[in-house]
Amino acid sequence: DGDNDESSSSSSDEDDDDDSYKQHSSLPPPLMEQLQIVTTQTWSQRLFLNRTNYINQRIVTEFILGCLHQLSNLNKNNSSSSSKSVFELLESTTSILPNLLKGVTLRLESSIVFIRRDGMKVA
């Protein structure tokens, strides 16, 4: 019964996501955006899914969740701000969305419970 083997609890996942992301969030915005793109490209590859151990996959997934959390906060903070800020948010999101969808699809097709859960968290 692999459902109970996950080492991190759901209550601490959001804190872990923020911590993983915050380690890199001080990078200049263009570099941070490039890091997000490269990370989501890697995360969406079948080779990465099949050949990378779960601990390393989890680190990448936590970074992605942190990125999504920050984009969500940016969206909330910019709800009444200029169209330029909204455009920048849309540009950031559209650059990673195709890779996120591909990675989520791969994970949801997995027979491994932990990998499917990561896909569900990102979805």
N, C-alpha and C. Protein backbone atom coordinates (compact mmCIF):
# COMPACT_ATOMS: atom_id res chain seq x y z
N ASP A 1 0.84 -1.18 0.00
CA ASP A 1 0.00 0.00 0.00
C ASP A 1 0.88 1.24 0.00
N GLY A 2 1.18 1.79 -1.18
CA GLY A 2 2.10 2.90 -1.33
C GLY A 2 1.51 4.24 -0.95
N ASP A 3 0.20 4.31 -0.67
CA ASP A 3 -0.43 5.58 -0.37
C ASP A 3 0.10 6.22 0.90
N ASN A 4 0.57 5.45 1.85
CA ASN A 4 0.99 6.00 3.12
C ASN A 4 2.49 6.20 3.23
N ASP A 5 3.24 5.98 2.15
CA ASP A 5 4.69 6.03 2.20
C ASP A 5 5.27 7.42 2.00
N GLU A 6 4.45 8.41 1.63
CA GLU A 6 4.98 9.73 1.35
C GLU A 6 5.51 10.37 2.63
N SER A 7 6.73 10.88 2.59
CA SER A 7 7.38 11.36 3.80
C SER A 7 6.94 12.76 4.21
N SER A 8 6.52 13.61 3.28
CA SER A 8 6.11 14.96 3.66
C SER A 8 4.60 15.04 3.79
N SER A 9 4.16 15.75 4.80
CA SER A 9 2.73 15.87 5.02
C SER A 9 2.17 16.97 4.15
N SER A 10 0.88 16.91 3.88
CA SER A 10 0.23 17.91 3.05
C SER A 10 0.29 19.28 3.69
N SER A 11 0.23 19.35 5.01
CA SER A 11 0.23 20.64 5.68
C SER A 11 1.55 21.38 5.51
N SER A 12 2.64 20.67 5.35
CA SER A 12 3.93 21.35 5.20
C SER A 12 4.30 21.58 3.74
N ASP A 13 3.53 21.07 2.79
CA ASP A 13 3.87 21.22 1.38
C ASP A 13 3.95 22.67 0.94
N GLU A 14 3.01 23.51 1.38
CA GLU A 14 3.02 24.90 0.94
C GLU A 14 4.26 25.61 1.47
N ASP A 15 4.64 25.34 2.72
CA ASP A 15 5.85 25.94 3.26
C ASP A 15 7.08 25.47 2.49
N ASP A 16 7.14 24.19 2.15
CA ASP A 16 8.27 23.66 1.39
C ASP A 16 8.34 24.32 0.02
N ASP A 17 7.17 24.52 -0.62
CA ASP A 17 7.13 25.14 -1.94
C ASP A 17 7.71 26.54 -1.87
N ASP A 18 7.30 27.31 -0.86
CA ASP A 18 7.80 28.66 -0.71
C ASP A 18 9.30 28.67 -0.46
N ASP A 19 9.79 27.78 0.39
CA ASP A 19 11.22 27.74 0.72
C ASP A 19 12.05 27.42 -0.51
N SER A 20 11.62 26.44 -1.30
CA SER A 20 12.36 26.06 -2.49
C SER A 20 12.42 27.22 -3.48
N TYR A 21 11.31 27.89 -3.64
CA TYR A 21 11.25 29.00 -4.58
C TYR A 21 12.06 30.19 -4.07
N LYS A 22 11.95 30.50 -2.77
CA LYS A 22 12.62 31.67 -2.20
C LYS A 22 14.13 31.59 -2.34
N GLN A 23 14.68 30.39 -2.41
CA GLN A 23 16.12 30.25 -2.58
C GLN A 23 16.58 30.88 -3.88
N HIS A 24 15.69 30.94 -4.87
CA HIS A 24 16.05 31.48 -6.18
C HIS A 24 15.33 32.78 -6.51
N SER A 25 14.39 33.22 -5.67
CA SER A 25 13.56 34.35 -6.02
C SER A 25 14.30 35.69 -6.00
N SER A 26 15.51 35.73 -5.48
CA SER A 26 16.26 36.98 -5.48
C SER A 26 16.99 37.21 -6.81
N LEU A 27 16.88 36.28 -7.72
CA LEU A 27 17.48 36.44 -9.04
C LEU A 27 16.78 37.56 -9.80
N PRO A 28 17.48 38.22 -10.71
CA PRO A 28 16.83 39.25 -11.55
C PRO A 28 15.67 38.61 -12.33
N PRO A 29 14.58 39.35 -12.54
CA PRO A 29 13.39 38.77 -13.21
C PRO A 29 13.68 38.05 -14.53
N PRO A 30 14.51 38.59 -15.43
CA PRO A 30 14.74 37.84 -16.68
C PRO A 30 15.41 36.48 -16.43
N LEU A 31 16.34 36.44 -15.49
CA LEU A 31 17.02 35.19 -15.17
C LEU A 31 16.06 34.23 -14.47
N MET A 32 15.20 34.75 -13.61
CA MET A 32 14.22 33.92 -12.92
C MET A 32 13.24 33.31 -13.92
N GLU A 33 12.80 34.11 -14.88
CA GLU A 33 11.88 33.60 -15.89
C GLU A 33 12.55 32.50 -16.72
N GLN A 34 13.81 32.69 -17.07
CA GLN A 34 14.55 31.67 -17.83
C GLN A 34 14.69 30.40 -17.01
N LEU A 35 14.96 30.54 -15.71
CA LEU A 35 15.06 29.38 -14.83
C LEU A 35 13.73 28.62 -14.77
N GLN A 36 12.63 29.37 -14.73
CA GLN A 36 11.31 28.73 -14.72
C GLN A 36 11.06 27.95 -16.02
N ILE A 37 11.44 28.53 -17.12
CA ILE A 37 11.24 27.87 -18.42
C ILE A 37 12.07 26.59 -18.51
N VAL A 38 13.34 26.69 -18.17
CA VAL A 38 14.22 25.51 -18.24
C VAL A 38 13.75 24.43 -17.27
N THR A 39 13.34 24.84 -16.08
CA THR A 39 12.87 23.87 -15.08
C THR A 39 11.62 23.16 -15.56
N THR A 40 10.66 23.90 -16.10
CA THR A 40 9.43 23.25 -16.57
C THR A 40 9.69 22.39 -17.80
N GLN A 41 10.65 22.79 -18.65
CA GLN A 41 11.01 21.96 -19.80
C GLN A 41 11.57 20.62 -19.32
N THR A 42 12.44 20.68 -18.35
CA THR A 42 13.03 19.45 -17.80
C THR A 42 11.96 18.59 -17.14
N TRP A 43 11.11 19.19 -16.34
CA TRP A 43 10.06 18.49 -15.60
C TRP A 43 9.07 17.79 -16.54
N SER A 44 8.93 18.33 -17.75
CA SER A 44 7.94 17.78 -18.68
C SER A 44 8.50 16.66 -19.57
N GLN A 45 9.76 16.33 -19.41
CA GLN A 45 10.36 15.29 -20.25
C GLN A 45 10.16 13.90 -19.66
N ARG A 46 9.77 12.98 -20.51
CA ARG A 46 9.56 11.60 -20.07
C ARG A 46 10.86 10.99 -19.52
N LEU A 47 11.98 11.34 -20.13
CA LEU A 47 13.27 10.84 -19.66
C LEU A 47 13.54 11.26 -18.21
N PHE A 48 13.24 12.51 -17.88
CA PHE A 48 13.40 12.99 -16.52
C PHE A 48 12.49 12.21 -15.57
N LEU A 49 11.27 11.98 -15.97
CA LEU A 49 10.30 11.25 -15.15
C LEU A 49 10.75 9.81 -14.92
N ASN A 50 11.25 9.18 -15.95
CA ASN A 50 11.60 7.76 -15.85
C ASN A 50 12.97 7.49 -15.23
N ARG A 51 13.89 8.44 -15.33
CA ARG A 51 15.27 8.15 -14.92
C ARG A 51 15.76 8.94 -13.70
N THR A 52 14.96 9.83 -13.19
CA THR A 52 15.37 10.64 -12.05
C THR A 52 14.71 10.11 -10.79
N ASN A 53 15.50 9.98 -9.72
CA ASN A 53 14.90 9.44 -8.49
C ASN A 53 13.85 10.41 -7.95
N TYR A 54 12.99 9.87 -7.11
CA TYR A 54 11.85 10.65 -6.64
C TYR A 54 12.27 11.87 -5.83
N ILE A 55 13.30 11.77 -5.05
CA ILE A 55 13.73 12.90 -4.23
C ILE A 55 14.10 14.09 -5.12
N ASN A 56 14.85 13.85 -6.17
CA ASN A 56 15.22 14.93 -7.09
C ASN A 56 14.01 15.44 -7.86
N GLN A 57 13.10 14.54 -8.23
CA GLN A 57 11.88 14.98 -8.89
C GLN A 57 11.07 15.87 -7.96
N ARG A 58 11.03 15.51 -6.70
CA ARG A 58 10.27 16.27 -5.72
C ARG A 58 10.84 17.68 -5.55
N ILE A 59 12.16 17.81 -5.58
CA ILE A 59 12.79 19.13 -5.47
C ILE A 59 12.36 20.02 -6.63
N VAL A 60 12.37 19.46 -7.83
CA VAL A 60 11.96 20.23 -9.01
C VAL A 60 10.48 20.58 -8.93
N THR A 61 9.67 19.61 -8.50
CA THR A 61 8.23 19.86 -8.36
C THR A 61 7.96 20.96 -7.33
N GLU A 62 8.69 20.95 -6.22
CA GLU A 62 8.51 21.99 -5.21
C GLU A 62 8.87 23.37 -5.75
N PHE A 63 9.91 23.43 -6.56
CA PHE A 63 10.28 24.70 -7.17
C PHE A 63 9.16 25.19 -8.09
N ILE A 64 8.61 24.29 -8.88
CA ILE A 64 7.52 24.65 -9.79
C ILE A 64 6.29 25.11 -9.00
N LEU A 65 5.97 24.40 -7.92
CA LEU A 65 4.83 24.80 -7.09
C LEU A 65 5.08 26.19 -6.49
N GLY A 66 6.30 26.46 -6.09
CA GLY A 66 6.64 27.79 -5.57
C GLY A 66 6.47 28.87 -6.64
N CYS A 67 6.88 28.56 -7.86
CA CYS A 67 6.69 29.50 -8.98
C CYS A 67 5.21 29.78 -9.19
N LEU A 68 4.41 28.73 -9.19
CA LEU A 68 2.97 28.90 -9.40
C LEU A 68 2.35 29.70 -8.26
N HIS A 69 2.81 29.44 -7.05
CA HIS A 69 2.31 30.17 -5.88
C HIS A 69 2.65 31.66 -6.02
N GLN A 70 3.87 31.97 -6.43
CA GLN A 70 4.28 33.36 -6.60
C GLN A 70 3.51 34.02 -7.74
N LEU A 71 3.27 33.30 -8.82
CA LEU A 71 2.47 33.86 -9.92
C LEU A 71 1.05 34.13 -9.46
N SER A 72 0.52 33.25 -8.64
CA SER A 72 -0.82 33.44 -8.09
C SER A 72 -0.87 34.69 -7.22
N ASN A 73 0.15 34.87 -6.37
CA ASN A 73 0.22 36.07 -5.53
C ASN A 73 0.37 37.32 -6.37
N LEU A 74 1.17 37.25 -7.42
CA LEU A 74 1.36 38.39 -8.31
C LEU A 74 0.03 38.76 -8.96
N ASN A 75 -0.72 37.75 -9.35
CA ASN A 75 -2.02 37.98 -9.96
C ASN A 75 -2.96 38.68 -8.98
N LYS A 76 -2.96 38.23 -7.72
CA LYS A 76 -3.81 38.86 -6.70
C LYS A 76 -3.39 40.29 -6.45
N ASN A 77 -2.09 40.53 -6.38
CA ASN A 77 -1.58 41.87 -6.11
C ASN A 77 -1.77 42.82 -7.28
N ASN A 78 -1.84 42.30 -8.50
CA ASN A 78 -1.97 43.14 -9.69
C ASN A 78 -3.40 43.25 -10.18
N SER A 79 -4.36 42.76 -9.41
CA SER A 79 -5.73 42.74 -9.90
C SER A 79 -6.25 44.14 -10.23
N SER A 80 -5.73 45.16 -9.58
CA SER A 80 -6.19 46.52 -9.86
C SER A 80 -5.07 47.41 -10.40
N SER A 81 -3.96 46.81 -10.83
CA SER A 81 -2.83 47.62 -11.29
C SER A 81 -2.81 47.76 -12.80
N SER A 82 -1.74 48.30 -13.30
CA SER A 82 -1.62 48.66 -14.71
C SER A 82 -1.68 47.45 -15.64
N SER A 83 -2.03 47.74 -16.89
CA SER A 83 -2.10 46.67 -17.89
C SER A 83 -0.72 46.11 -18.18
N LYS A 84 0.35 46.90 -17.99
CA LYS A 84 1.70 46.41 -18.21
C LYS A 84 2.01 45.25 -17.25
N SER A 85 1.64 45.40 -15.97
CA SER A 85 1.88 44.35 -14.98
C SER A 85 1.09 43.10 -15.34
N VAL A 86 -0.15 43.27 -15.78
CA VAL A 86 -0.97 42.13 -16.18
C VAL A 86 -0.36 41.45 -17.40
N PHE A 87 0.15 42.25 -18.34
CA PHE A 87 0.80 41.69 -19.52
C PHE A 87 2.03 40.88 -19.13
N GLU A 88 2.83 41.40 -18.21
CA GLU A 88 4.02 40.67 -17.75
C GLU A 88 3.64 39.36 -17.10
N LEU A 89 2.56 39.37 -16.31
CA LEU A 89 2.08 38.14 -15.68
C LEU A 89 1.65 37.12 -16.73
N LEU A 90 0.89 37.57 -17.72
CA LEU A 90 0.45 36.66 -18.78
C LEU A 90 1.63 36.11 -19.57
N GLU A 91 2.61 36.96 -19.83
CA GLU A 91 3.80 36.53 -20.56
C GLU A 91 4.56 35.45 -19.79
N SER A 92 4.70 35.63 -18.48
CA SER A 92 5.39 34.64 -17.65
C SER A 92 4.63 33.32 -17.64
N THR A 93 3.34 33.40 -17.53
CA THR A 93 2.52 32.20 -17.46
C THR A 93 2.52 31.44 -18.78
N THR A 94 2.37 32.14 -19.89
CA THR A 94 2.29 31.46 -21.18
C THR A 94 3.62 30.82 -21.57
N SER A 95 4.73 31.32 -21.03
CA SER A 95 6.02 30.73 -21.39
C SER A 95 6.24 29.37 -20.72
N ILE A 96 5.55 29.09 -19.61
CA ILE A 96 5.75 27.81 -18.91
C ILE A 96 4.53 26.88 -19.02
N LEU A 97 3.39 27.40 -19.42
CA LEU A 97 2.16 26.61 -19.41
C LEU A 97 2.22 25.34 -20.27
N PRO A 98 2.70 25.40 -21.52
CA PRO A 98 2.75 24.16 -22.32
C PRO A 98 3.57 23.05 -21.65
N ASN A 99 4.70 23.43 -21.07
CA ASN A 99 5.52 22.42 -20.40
C ASN A 99 4.84 21.88 -19.15
N LEU A 100 4.16 22.76 -18.42
CA LEU A 100 3.44 22.30 -17.23
C LEU A 100 2.37 21.29 -17.59
N LEU A 101 1.63 21.58 -18.65
CA LEU A 101 0.56 20.66 -19.07
C LEU A 101 1.13 19.31 -19.49
N LYS A 102 2.24 19.34 -20.21
CA LYS A 102 2.87 18.09 -20.64
C LYS A 102 3.37 17.29 -19.44
N GLY A 103 4.00 17.98 -18.47
CA GLY A 103 4.50 17.31 -17.28
C GLY A 103 3.39 16.75 -16.41
N VAL A 104 2.32 17.50 -16.27
CA VAL A 104 1.17 17.01 -15.50
C VAL A 104 0.58 15.77 -16.16
N THR A 105 0.43 15.80 -17.48
CA THR A 105 -0.12 14.65 -18.20
C THR A 105 0.74 13.41 -17.99
N LEU A 106 2.05 13.57 -18.12
CA LEU A 106 2.97 12.43 -17.90
C LEU A 106 2.80 11.86 -16.50
N ARG A 107 2.70 12.73 -15.52
CA ARG A 107 2.60 12.28 -14.13
C ARG A 107 1.27 11.62 -13.83
N LEU A 108 0.21 12.13 -14.39
CA LEU A 108 -1.10 11.53 -14.14
C LEU A 108 -1.22 10.15 -14.80
N GLU A 109 -0.41 9.89 -15.81
CA GLU A 109 -0.41 8.58 -16.46
C GLU A 109 0.47 7.57 -15.73
N SER A 110 1.24 8.01 -14.75
CA SER A 110 2.17 7.14 -14.03
C SER A 110 1.43 6.16 -13.13
N SER A 111 2.03 4.99 -12.96
CA SER A 111 1.47 3.99 -12.05
C SER A 111 2.00 4.18 -10.63
N ILE A 112 2.92 5.13 -10.45
CA ILE A 112 3.53 5.38 -9.14
C ILE A 112 2.75 6.48 -8.42
N VAL A 113 2.25 6.15 -7.24
CA VAL A 113 1.37 7.05 -6.49
C VAL A 113 2.00 8.42 -6.25
N PHE A 114 3.25 8.46 -5.82
CA PHE A 114 3.90 9.73 -5.49
C PHE A 114 4.02 10.63 -6.71
N ILE A 115 4.31 10.03 -7.83
CA ILE A 115 4.46 10.81 -9.07
C ILE A 115 3.11 11.36 -9.51
N ARG A 116 2.06 10.54 -9.41
CA ARG A 116 0.71 11.02 -9.73
C ARG A 116 0.32 12.18 -8.82
N ARG A 117 0.65 12.07 -7.54
CA ARG A 117 0.32 13.15 -6.59
C ARG A 117 1.02 14.45 -6.96
N ASP A 118 2.27 14.37 -7.39
CA ASP A 118 2.97 15.57 -7.83
C ASP A 118 2.26 16.21 -9.01
N GLY A 119 1.81 15.38 -9.94
CA GLY A 119 1.06 15.89 -11.09
C GLY A 119 -0.23 16.56 -10.66
N MET A 120 -0.92 15.98 -9.69
CA MET A 120 -2.16 16.55 -9.19
C MET A 120 -1.91 17.87 -8.48
N LYS A 121 -0.82 17.97 -7.73
CA LYS A 121 -0.50 19.21 -7.01
C LYS A 121 -0.24 20.36 -7.98
N VAL A 122 0.49 20.06 -9.06
CA VAL A 122 0.79 21.10 -10.03
C VAL A 122 -0.46 21.47 -10.83
N ALA A 123 -1.29 20.47 -11.14
CA ALA A 123 -2.52 20.73 -11.89
C ALA A 123 -3.41 21.64 -11.09
